[in-house]
Amino acid sequence: MNNVNTGNVSVDDMLKLKGLKDAWEYVINHVNEELTIDFIKKIHFEVCKCESIYPLGDFRDKDVGITVTVWRPKLPSECDYDKELKDVLSNKKN
């Protein structure tokens, strides 16, 4: 935050912003790299490295809930991320 007065911003919020900033810097500095599952995991690591997230930089292994909905995302063990990424990449415009 470079000695700027952050007012009422909590340390936790500043750490979240730092993680987002570091993730964007990683993406920008590696923009020409192939988009892979490992690349996506590295972005997750950068975003969450100041959080108490487990497993950091890897697929979650526990169920999660989303406030005000009963919908639950699939567990990674129920997903085929390689196929999903391949499908996304095959739809990109040239």
PDB file of N, CA and C in Angstrom:
ATOM      1  N   MET A   1       0.825  -1.186   0.000  1.00  0.00           N
ATOM      2  CA  MET A   1       0.000   0.000   0.000  1.00  0.00           C
ATOM      3  C   MET A   1       0.874   1.256   0.000  1.00  0.00           C
ATOM      4  N   ASN A   2       2.188   1.043  -0.045  1.00  0.00           N
ATOM      5  CA  ASN A   2       3.172   2.117  -0.240  1.00  0.00           C
ATOM      6  C   ASN A   2       2.942   3.344   0.628  1.00  0.00           C
ATOM      7  N   ASN A   3       2.780   3.136   1.916  1.00  0.00           N
ATOM      8  CA  ASN A   3       2.647   4.213   2.896  1.00  0.00           C
ATOM      9  C   ASN A   3       1.453   5.133   2.661  1.00  0.00           C
ATOM     10  N   VAL A   4       0.452   4.650   1.943  1.00  0.00           N
ATOM     11  CA  VAL A   4      -0.765   5.420   1.728  1.00  0.00           C
ATOM     12  C   VAL A   4      -1.702   5.140   2.895  1.00  0.00           C
ATOM     13  N   ASN A   5      -2.360   6.161   3.397  1.00  0.00           N
ATOM     14  CA  ASN A   5      -3.313   5.981   4.486  1.00  0.00           C
ATOM     15  C   ASN A   5      -4.463   5.119   3.989  1.00  0.00           C
ATOM     16  N   THR A   6      -4.642   3.972   4.624  1.00  0.00           N
ATOM     17  CA  THR A   6      -5.677   3.048   4.190  1.00  0.00           C
ATOM     18  C   THR A   6      -6.970   3.200   4.976  1.00  0.00           C
ATOM     19  N   GLY A   7      -7.045   4.198   5.846  1.00  0.00           N
ATOM     20  CA  GLY A   7      -8.284   4.471   6.563  1.00  0.00           C
ATOM     21  C   GLY A   7      -8.750   3.290   7.382  1.00  0.00           C
ATOM     22  N   ASN A   8      -9.967   2.871   7.131  1.00  0.00           N
ATOM     23  CA  ASN A   8     -10.571   1.800   7.916  1.00  0.00           C
ATOM     24  C   ASN A   8     -10.456   0.435   7.251  1.00  0.00           C
ATOM     25  N   VAL A   9      -9.517   0.258   6.350  1.00  0.00           N
ATOM     26  CA  VAL A   9      -9.344  -1.020   5.682  1.00  0.00           C
ATOM     27  C   VAL A   9      -8.600  -1.965   6.626  1.00  0.00           C
ATOM     28  N   SER A  10      -9.165  -3.142   6.824  1.00  0.00           N
ATOM     29  CA  SER A  10      -8.557  -4.104   7.745  1.00  0.00           C
ATOM     30  C   SER A  10      -7.308  -4.728   7.132  1.00  0.00           C
ATOM     31  N   VAL A  11      -6.476  -5.272   7.988  1.00  0.00           N
ATOM     32  CA  VAL A  11      -5.279  -5.971   7.531  1.00  0.00           C
ATOM     33  C   VAL A  11      -5.683  -7.150   6.648  1.00  0.00           C
ATOM     34  N   ASP A  12      -6.731  -7.882   7.028  1.00  0.00           N
ATOM     35  CA  ASP A  12      -7.199  -9.007   6.210  1.00  0.00           C
ATOM     36  C   ASP A  12      -7.581  -8.553   4.811  1.00  0.00           C
ATOM     37  N   ASP A  13      -8.286  -7.433   4.709  1.00  0.00           N
ATOM     38  CA  ASP A  13      -8.674  -6.926   3.391  1.00  0.00           C
ATOM     39  C   ASP A  13      -7.452  -6.490   2.583  1.00  0.00           C
ATOM     40  N   MET A  14      -6.467  -5.893   3.245  1.00  0.00           N
ATOM     41  CA  MET A  14      -5.248  -5.498   2.548  1.00  0.00           C
ATOM     42  C   MET A  14      -4.506  -6.731   2.033  1.00  0.00           C
ATOM     43  N   LEU A  15      -4.491  -7.812   2.817  1.00  0.00           N
ATOM     44  CA  LEU A  15      -3.832  -9.034   2.373  1.00  0.00           C
ATOM     45  C   LEU A  15      -4.566  -9.665   1.197  1.00  0.00           C
ATOM     46  N   LYS A  16      -5.898  -9.581   1.200  1.00  0.00           N
ATOM     47  CA  LYS A  16      -6.673 -10.078   0.063  1.00  0.00           C
ATOM     48  C   LYS A  16      -6.334  -9.290  -1.197  1.00  0.00           C
ATOM     49  N   LEU A  17      -6.261  -7.980  -1.061  1.00  0.00           N
ATOM     50  CA  LEU A  17      -5.894  -7.137  -2.203  1.00  0.00           C
ATOM     51  C   LEU A  17      -4.495  -7.466  -2.697  1.00  0.00           C
ATOM     52  N   LYS A  18      -3.572  -7.713  -1.768  1.00  0.00           N
ATOM     53  CA  LYS A  18      -2.200  -8.067  -2.142  1.00  0.00           C
ATOM     54  C   LYS A  18      -2.188  -9.368  -2.937  1.00  0.00           C
ATOM     55  N   GLY A  19      -2.977 -10.358  -2.497  1.00  0.00           N
ATOM     56  CA  GLY A  19      -3.051 -11.618  -3.225  1.00  0.00           C
ATOM     57  C   GLY A  19      -3.605 -11.435  -4.625  1.00  0.00           C
ATOM     58  N   LEU A  20      -4.656 -10.620  -4.760  1.00  0.00           N
ATOM     59  CA  LEU A  20      -5.233 -10.347  -6.081  1.00  0.00           C
ATOM     60  C   LEU A  20      -4.229  -9.634  -6.977  1.00  0.00           C
ATOM     61  N   LYS A  21      -3.514  -8.670  -6.411  1.00  0.00           N
ATOM     62  CA  LYS A  21      -2.494  -7.934  -7.164  1.00  0.00           C
ATOM     63  C   LYS A  21      -1.397  -8.886  -7.639  1.00  0.00           C
ATOM     64  N   ASP A  22      -0.926  -9.740  -6.746  1.00  0.00           N
ATOM     65  CA  ASP A  22       0.137 -10.681  -7.106  1.00  0.00           C
ATOM     66  C   ASP A  22      -0.340 -11.663  -8.174  1.00  0.00           C
ATOM     67  N   ALA A  23      -1.596 -12.095  -8.093  1.00  0.00           N
ATOM     68  CA  ALA A  23      -2.139 -13.014  -9.100  1.00  0.00           C
ATOM     69  C   ALA A  23      -2.200 -12.334 -10.459  1.00  0.00           C
ATOM     70  N   TRP A  24      -2.666 -11.084 -10.493  1.00  0.00           N
ATOM     71  CA  TRP A  24      -2.718 -10.360 -11.771  1.00  0.00           C
ATOM     72  C   TRP A  24      -1.314 -10.159 -12.334  1.00  0.00           C
ATOM     73  N   GLU A  25      -0.361  -9.836 -11.484  1.00  0.00           N
ATOM     74  CA  GLU A  25       1.018  -9.676 -11.955  1.00  0.00           C
ATOM     75  C   GLU A  25       1.540 -10.987 -12.537  1.00  0.00           C
ATOM     76  N   TYR A  26       1.211 -12.098 -11.893  1.00  0.00           N
ATOM     77  CA  TYR A  26       1.640 -13.398 -12.397  1.00  0.00           C
ATOM     78  C   TYR A  26       1.047 -13.652 -13.780  1.00  0.00           C
ATOM     79  N   VAL A  27      -0.247 -13.391 -13.929  1.00  0.00           N
ATOM     80  CA  VAL A  27      -0.914 -13.605 -15.219  1.00  0.00           C
ATOM     81  C   VAL A  27      -0.285 -12.718 -16.292  1.00  0.00           C
ATOM     82  N   ILE A  28      -0.089 -11.457 -15.985  1.00  0.00           N
ATOM     83  CA  ILE A  28       0.481 -10.515 -16.965  1.00  0.00           C
ATOM     84  C   ILE A  28       1.908 -10.911 -17.339  1.00  0.00           C
ATOM     85  N   ASN A  29       2.687 -11.340 -16.354  1.00  0.00           N
ATOM     86  CA  ASN A  29       4.075 -11.718 -16.625  1.00  0.00           C
ATOM     87  C   ASN A  29       4.205 -13.062 -17.345  1.00  0.00           C
ATOM     88  N   HIS A  30       3.119 -13.838 -17.375  1.00  0.00           N
ATOM     89  CA  HIS A  30       3.159 -15.158 -18.015  1.00  0.00           C
ATOM     90  C   HIS A  30       2.059 -15.297 -19.067  1.00  0.00           C
ATOM     91  N   VAL A  31       1.661 -14.183 -19.643  1.00  0.00           N
ATOM     92  CA  VAL A  31       0.518 -14.161 -20.559  1.00  0.00           C
ATOM     93  C   VAL A  31       0.720 -15.048 -21.792  1.00  0.00           C
ATOM     94  N   ASN A  32       1.933 -15.290 -22.174  1.00  0.00           N
ATOM     95  CA  ASN A  32       2.188 -16.107 -23.362  1.00  0.00           C
ATOM     96  C   ASN A  32       2.322 -17.597 -23.065  1.00  0.00           C
ATOM     97  N   GLU A  33       2.226 -17.961 -21.798  1.00  0.00           N
ATOM     98  CA  GLU A  33       2.307 -19.375 -21.441  1.00  0.00           C
ATOM     99  C   GLU A  33       0.999 -20.081 -21.757  1.00  0.00           C
ATOM    100  N   GLU A  34       1.111 -21.368 -21.979  1.00  0.00           N
ATOM    101  CA  GLU A  34      -0.068 -22.183 -22.239  1.00  0.00           C
ATOM    102  C   GLU A  34      -0.948 -22.237 -20.985  1.00  0.00           C
ATOM    103  N   LEU A  35      -2.257 -22.130 -21.183  1.00  0.00           N
ATOM    104  CA  LEU A  35      -3.194 -22.245 -20.073  1.00  0.00           C
ATOM    105  C   LEU A  35      -3.368 -23.720 -19.736  1.00  0.00           C
ATOM    106  N   THR A  36      -2.902 -24.094 -18.565  1.00  0.00           N
ATOM    107  CA  THR A  36      -2.976 -25.480 -18.113  1.00  0.00           C
ATOM    108  C   THR A  36      -3.601 -25.516 -16.723  1.00  0.00           C
ATOM    109  N   ILE A  37      -3.890 -26.701 -16.263  1.00  0.00           N
ATOM    110  CA  ILE A  37      -4.402 -26.854 -14.903  1.00  0.00           C
ATOM    111  C   ILE A  37      -3.374 -26.340 -13.900  1.00  0.00           C
ATOM    112  N   ASP A  38      -2.099 -26.632 -14.106  1.00  0.00           N
ATOM    113  CA  ASP A  38      -1.061 -26.143 -13.189  1.00  0.00           C
ATOM    114  C   ASP A  38      -0.974 -24.623 -13.185  1.00  0.00           C
ATOM    115  N   PHE A  39      -1.167 -23.992 -14.341  1.00  0.00           N
ATOM    116  CA  PHE A  39      -1.169 -22.530 -14.425  1.00  0.00           C
ATOM    117  C   PHE A  39      -2.326 -21.971 -13.592  1.00  0.00           C
ATOM    118  N   ILE A  40      -3.491 -22.576 -13.717  1.00  0.00           N
ATOM    119  CA  ILE A  40      -4.665 -22.136 -12.956  1.00  0.00           C
ATOM    120  C   ILE A  40      -4.431 -22.325 -11.459  1.00  0.00           C
ATOM    121  N   LYS A  41      -3.813 -23.430 -11.080  1.00  0.00           N
ATOM    122  CA  LYS A  41      -3.505 -23.671  -9.666  1.00  0.00           C
ATOM    123  C   LYS A  41      -2.536 -22.627  -9.129  1.00  0.00           C
ATOM    124  N   LYS A  42      -1.576 -22.205  -9.954  1.00  0.00           N
ATOM    125  CA  LYS A  42      -0.620 -21.176  -9.531  1.00  0.00           C
ATOM    126  C   LYS A  42      -1.334 -19.845  -9.293  1.00  0.00           C
ATOM    127  N   ILE A  43      -2.289 -19.520 -10.137  1.00  0.00           N
ATOM    128  CA  ILE A  43      -3.077 -18.300  -9.931  1.00  0.00           C
ATOM    129  C   ILE A  43      -3.839 -18.403  -8.613  1.00  0.00           C
ATOM    130  N   HIS A  44      -4.452 -19.552  -8.368  1.00  0.00           N
ATOM    131  CA  HIS A  44      -5.164 -19.767  -7.099  1.00  0.00           C
ATOM    132  C   HIS A  44      -4.221 -19.581  -5.914  1.00  0.00           C
ATOM    133  N   PHE A  45      -3.021 -20.117  -6.026  1.00  0.00           N
ATOM    134  CA  PHE A  45      -2.036 -19.960  -4.965  1.00  0.00           C
ATOM    135  C   PHE A  45      -1.767 -18.484  -4.698  1.00  0.00           C
ATOM    136  N   GLU A  46      -1.534 -17.718  -5.758  1.00  0.00           N
ATOM    137  CA  GLU A  46      -1.228 -16.297  -5.594  1.00  0.00           C
ATOM    138  C   GLU A  46      -2.390 -15.534  -4.965  1.00  0.00           C
ATOM    139  N   VAL A  47      -3.604 -15.830  -5.391  1.00  0.00           N
ATOM    140  CA  VAL A  47      -4.780 -15.137  -4.851  1.00  0.00           C
ATOM    141  C   VAL A  47      -4.942 -15.428  -3.368  1.00  0.00           C
ATOM    142  N   CYS A  48      -4.717 -16.663  -2.975  1.00  0.00           N
ATOM    143  CA  CYS A  48      -5.076 -17.107  -1.621  1.00  0.00           C
ATOM    144  C   CYS A  48      -3.907 -17.268  -0.665  1.00  0.00           C
ATOM    145  N   LYS A  49      -2.694 -16.917  -1.058  1.00  0.00           N
ATOM    146  CA  LYS A  49      -1.524 -17.221  -0.231  1.00  0.00           C
ATOM    147  C   LYS A  49      -1.533 -16.537   1.134  1.00  0.00           C
ATOM    148  N   CYS A  50      -2.291 -15.483   1.295  1.00  0.00           N
ATOM    149  CA  CYS A  50      -2.367 -14.802   2.591  1.00  0.00           C
ATOM    150  C   CYS A  50      -3.624 -15.196   3.367  1.00  0.00           C
ATOM    151  N   GLU A  51      -4.357 -16.161   2.851  1.00  0.00           N
ATOM    152  CA  GLU A  51      -5.595 -16.614   3.474  1.00  0.00           C
ATOM    153  C   GLU A  51      -5.352 -17.953   4.178  1.00  0.00           C
ATOM    154  N   SER A  52      -6.283 -18.325   5.007  1.00  0.00           N
ATOM    155  CA  SER A  52      -6.193 -19.651   5.635  1.00  0.00           C
ATOM    156  C   SER A  52      -7.011 -20.627   4.795  1.00  0.00           C
ATOM    157  N   ILE A  53      -6.567 -20.821   3.568  1.00  0.00           N
ATOM    158  CA  ILE A  53      -7.223 -21.701   2.608  1.00  0.00           C
ATOM    159  C   ILE A  53      -6.428 -23.003   2.547  1.00  0.00           C
ATOM    160  N   TYR A  54      -7.132 -24.117   2.582  1.00  0.00           N
ATOM    161  CA  TYR A  54      -6.452 -25.400   2.443  1.00  0.00           C
ATOM    162  C   TYR A  54      -7.256 -26.277   1.505  1.00  0.00           C
ATOM    163  N   PRO A  55      -6.673 -26.935   0.579  1.00  0.00           N
ATOM    164  CA  PRO A  55      -5.262 -26.925   0.195  1.00  0.00           C
ATOM    165  C   PRO A  55      -4.951 -25.730  -0.698  1.00  0.00           C
ATOM    166  N   LEU A  56      -3.916 -25.026  -0.405  1.00  0.00           N
ATOM    167  CA  LEU A  56      -3.536 -23.818  -1.118  1.00  0.00           C
ATOM    168  C   LEU A  56      -2.912 -24.170  -2.461  1.00  0.00           C
ATOM    169  N   GLY A  57      -3.460 -23.610  -3.532  1.00  0.00           N
ATOM    170  CA  GLY A  57      -2.919 -23.846  -4.860  1.00  0.00           C
ATOM    171  C   GLY A  57      -3.229 -25.223  -5.407  1.00  0.00           C
ATOM    172  N   ASP A  58      -4.266 -25.837  -4.882  1.00  0.00           N
ATOM    173  CA  ASP A  58      -4.659 -27.157  -5.364  1.00  0.00           C
ATOM    174  C   ASP A  58      -6.176 -27.257  -5.305  1.00  0.00           C
ATOM    175  N   PHE A  59      -6.706 -28.341  -5.832  1.00  0.00           N
ATOM    176  CA  PHE A  59      -8.150 -28.526  -5.801  1.00  0.00           C
ATOM    177  C   PHE A  59      -8.618 -28.755  -4.369  1.00  0.00           C
ATOM    178  N   ARG A  60      -9.758 -28.188  -4.031  1.00  0.00           N
ATOM    179  CA  ARG A  60     -10.304 -28.388  -2.685  1.00  0.00           C
ATOM    180  C   ARG A  60     -10.734 -29.834  -2.536  1.00  0.00           C
ATOM    181  N   ASP A  61     -10.769 -30.274  -1.291  1.00  0.00           N
ATOM    182  CA  ASP A  61     -11.144 -31.660  -1.034  1.00  0.00           C
ATOM    183  C   ASP A  61     -12.339 -31.764  -0.088  1.00  0.00           C
ATOM    184  N   LYS A  62     -13.009 -30.637   0.132  1.00  0.00           N
ATOM    185  CA  LYS A  62     -14.174 -30.608   1.015  1.00  0.00           C
ATOM    186  C   LYS A  62     -15.323 -29.900   0.311  1.00  0.00           C
ATOM    187  N   ASP A  63     -16.532 -30.241   0.712  1.00  0.00           N
ATOM    188  CA  ASP A  63     -17.717 -29.591   0.178  1.00  0.00           C
ATOM    189  C   ASP A  63     -17.748 -28.132   0.631  1.00  0.00           C
ATOM    190  N   VAL A  64     -18.326 -27.261  -0.167  1.00  0.00           N
ATOM    191  CA  VAL A  64     -18.477 -25.853   0.204  1.00  0.00           C
ATOM    192  C   VAL A  64     -19.922 -25.435  -0.014  1.00  0.00           C
ATOM    193  N   GLY A  65     -20.303 -24.395   0.693  1.00  0.00           N
ATOM    194  CA  GLY A  65     -21.631 -23.835   0.514  1.00  0.00           C
ATOM    195  C   GLY A  65     -21.530 -22.405   0.037  1.00  0.00           C
ATOM    196  N   ILE A  66     -22.595 -21.944  -0.583  1.00  0.00           N
ATOM    197  CA  ILE A  66     -22.649 -20.571  -1.069  1.00  0.00           C
ATOM    198  C   ILE A  66     -23.852 -19.914  -0.409  1.00  0.00           C
ATOM    199  N   THR A  67     -23.620 -18.787   0.224  1.00  0.00           N
ATOM    200  CA  THR A  67     -24.665 -18.093   0.964  1.00  0.00           C
ATOM    201  C   THR A  67     -25.883 -17.836   0.086  1.00  0.00           C
ATOM    202  N   VAL A  68     -27.040 -17.928   0.661  1.00  0.00           N
ATOM    203  CA  VAL A  68     -28.375 -17.698   0.074  1.00  0.00           C
ATOM    204  C   VAL A  68     -28.715 -18.614  -1.108  1.00  0.00           C
ATOM    205  N   THR A  69     -28.091 -19.775  -1.161  1.00  0.00           N
ATOM    206  CA  THR A  69     -28.478 -20.746  -2.176  1.00  0.00           C
ATOM    207  C   THR A  69     -28.252 -22.152  -1.630  1.00  0.00           C
ATOM    208  N   VAL A  70     -28.994 -23.091  -2.152  1.00  0.00           N
ATOM    209  CA  VAL A  70     -28.799 -24.481  -1.757  1.00  0.00           C
ATOM    210  C   VAL A  70     -27.891 -25.205  -2.746  1.00  0.00           C
ATOM    211  N   TRP A  71     -27.550 -24.541  -3.869  1.00  0.00           N
ATOM    212  CA  TRP A  71     -26.682 -25.139  -4.874  1.00  0.00           C
ATOM    213  C   TRP A  71     -25.294 -25.366  -4.297  1.00  0.00           C
ATOM    214  N   ARG A  72     -24.698 -26.485  -4.615  1.00  0.00           N
ATOM    215  CA  ARG A  72     -23.349 -26.819  -4.173  1.00  0.00           C
ATOM    216  C   ARG A  72     -22.504 -27.180  -5.397  1.00  0.00           C
ATOM    217  N   PRO A  73     -21.329 -26.569  -5.533  1.00  0.00           N
ATOM    218  CA  PRO A  73     -20.454 -26.957  -6.644  1.00  0.00           C
ATOM    219  C   PRO A  73     -19.935 -28.367  -6.427  1.00  0.00           C
ATOM    220  N   LYS A  74     -19.634 -29.025  -7.525  1.00  0.00           N
ATOM    221  CA  LYS A  74     -19.094 -30.376  -7.453  1.00  0.00           C
ATOM    222  C   LYS A  74     -17.730 -30.367  -6.774  1.00  0.00           C
ATOM    223  N   LEU A  75     -17.419 -31.468  -6.142  1.00  0.00           N
ATOM    224  CA  LEU A  75     -16.062 -31.663  -5.648  1.00  0.00           C
ATOM    225  C   LEU A  75     -15.152 -31.947  -6.834  1.00  0.00           C
ATOM    226  N   PRO A  76     -13.886 -31.566  -6.757  1.00  0.00           N
ATOM    227  CA  PRO A  76     -12.969 -31.829  -7.866  1.00  0.00           C
ATOM    228  C   PRO A  76     -12.927 -33.306  -8.264  1.00  0.00           C
ATOM    229  N   SER A  77     -13.097 -34.186  -7.310  1.00  0.00           N
ATOM    230  CA  SER A  77     -13.081 -35.615  -7.634  1.00  0.00           C
ATOM    231  C   SER A  77     -14.255 -36.002  -8.534  1.00  0.00           C
ATOM    232  N   GLU A  78     -15.275 -35.134  -8.595  1.00  0.00           N
ATOM    233  CA  GLU A  78     -16.440 -35.386  -9.436  1.00  0.00           C
ATOM    234  C   GLU A  78     -16.328 -34.693 -10.791  1.00  0.00           C
ATOM    235  N   CYS A  79     -15.240 -33.977 -11.015  1.00  0.00           N
ATOM    236  CA  CYS A  79     -15.073 -33.175 -12.230  1.00  0.00           C
ATOM    237  C   CYS A  79     -13.937 -33.728 -13.080  1.00  0.00           C
ATOM    238  N   ASP A  80     -14.023 -33.428 -14.354  1.00  0.00           N
ATOM    239  CA  ASP A  80     -12.943 -33.755 -15.285  1.00  0.00           C
ATOM    240  C   ASP A  80     -12.384 -32.419 -15.782  1.00  0.00           C
ATOM    241  N   TYR A  81     -11.495 -31.833 -14.983  1.00  0.00           N
ATOM    242  CA  TYR A  81     -10.993 -30.497 -15.295  1.00  0.00           C
ATOM    243  C   TYR A  81     -10.179 -30.460 -16.580  1.00  0.00           C
ATOM    244  N   ASP A  82      -9.460 -31.529 -16.859  1.00  0.00           N
ATOM    245  CA  ASP A  82      -8.696 -31.551 -18.114  1.00  0.00           C
ATOM    246  C   ASP A  82      -9.631 -31.437 -19.309  1.00  0.00           C
ATOM    247  N   LYS A  83     -10.735 -32.175 -19.289  1.00  0.00           N
ATOM    248  CA  LYS A  83     -11.698 -32.118 -20.379  1.00  0.00           C
ATOM    249  C   LYS A  83     -12.365 -30.743 -20.434  1.00  0.00           C
ATOM    250  N   GLU A  84     -12.748 -30.202 -19.275  1.00  0.00           N
ATOM    251  CA  GLU A  84     -13.396 -28.892 -19.252  1.00  0.00           C
ATOM    252  C   GLU A  84     -12.473 -27.809 -19.794  1.00  0.00           C
ATOM    253  N   LEU A  85     -11.203 -27.846 -19.419  1.00  0.00           N
ATOM    254  CA  LEU A  85     -10.248 -26.859 -19.928  1.00  0.00           C
ATOM    255  C   LEU A  85     -10.063 -27.030 -21.437  1.00  0.00           C
ATOM    256  N   LYS A  86      -9.963 -28.261 -21.888  1.00  0.00           N
ATOM    257  CA  LYS A  86      -9.837 -28.522 -23.323  1.00  0.00           C
ATOM    258  C   LYS A  86     -11.045 -27.974 -24.075  1.00  0.00           C
ATOM    259  N   ASP A  87     -12.262 -28.171 -23.524  1.00  0.00           N
ATOM    260  CA  ASP A  87     -13.479 -27.638 -24.143  1.00  0.00           C
ATOM    261  C   ASP A  87     -13.446 -26.110 -24.213  1.00  0.00           C
ATOM    262  N   VAL A  88     -13.018 -25.478 -23.147  1.00  0.00           N
ATOM    263  CA  VAL A  88     -12.937 -24.009 -23.122  1.00  0.00           C
ATOM    264  C   VAL A  88     -11.930 -23.525 -24.153  1.00  0.00           C
ATOM    265  N   LEU A  89     -10.765 -24.138 -24.188  1.00  0.00           N
ATOM    266  CA  LEU A  89      -9.727 -23.720 -25.122  1.00  0.00           C
ATOM    267  C   LEU A  89     -10.108 -23.963 -26.575  1.00  0.00           C
ATOM    268  N   SER A  90     -10.903 -24.978 -26.838  1.00  0.00           N
ATOM    269  CA  SER A  90     -11.319 -25.252 -28.215  1.00  0.00           C
ATOM    270  C   SER A  90     -12.359 -24.250 -28.702  1.00  0.00           C
ATOM    271  N   ASN A  91     -12.961 -23.503 -27.796  1.00  0.00           N
ATOM    272  CA  ASN A  91     -13.979 -22.511 -28.157  1.00  0.00           C
ATOM    273  C   ASN A  91     -13.417 -21.105 -28.299  1.00  0.00           C
ATOM    274  N   LYS A  92     -12.134 -20.918 -28.041  1.00  0.00           N
ATOM    275  CA  LYS A  92     -11.590 -19.555 -28.116  1.00  0.00           C
ATOM    276  C   LYS A  92     -11.525 -19.091 -29.561  1.00  0.00           C
ATOM    277  N   LYS A  93     -11.674 -17.785 -29.740  1.00  0.00           N
ATOM    278  CA  LYS A  93     -11.639 -17.197 -31.085  1.00  0.00           C
ATOM    279  C   LYS A  93     -10.196 -16.910 -31.466  1.00  0.00           C
ATOM    280  N   ASN A  94      -9.884 -17.088 -32.732  1.00  0.00           N
ATOM    281  CA  ASN A  94      -8.522 -16.823 -33.214  1.00  0.00           C
ATOM    282  C   ASN A  94      -8.384 -15.394 -33.674  1.00  0.00           C
TER     283      ASN A  94
END
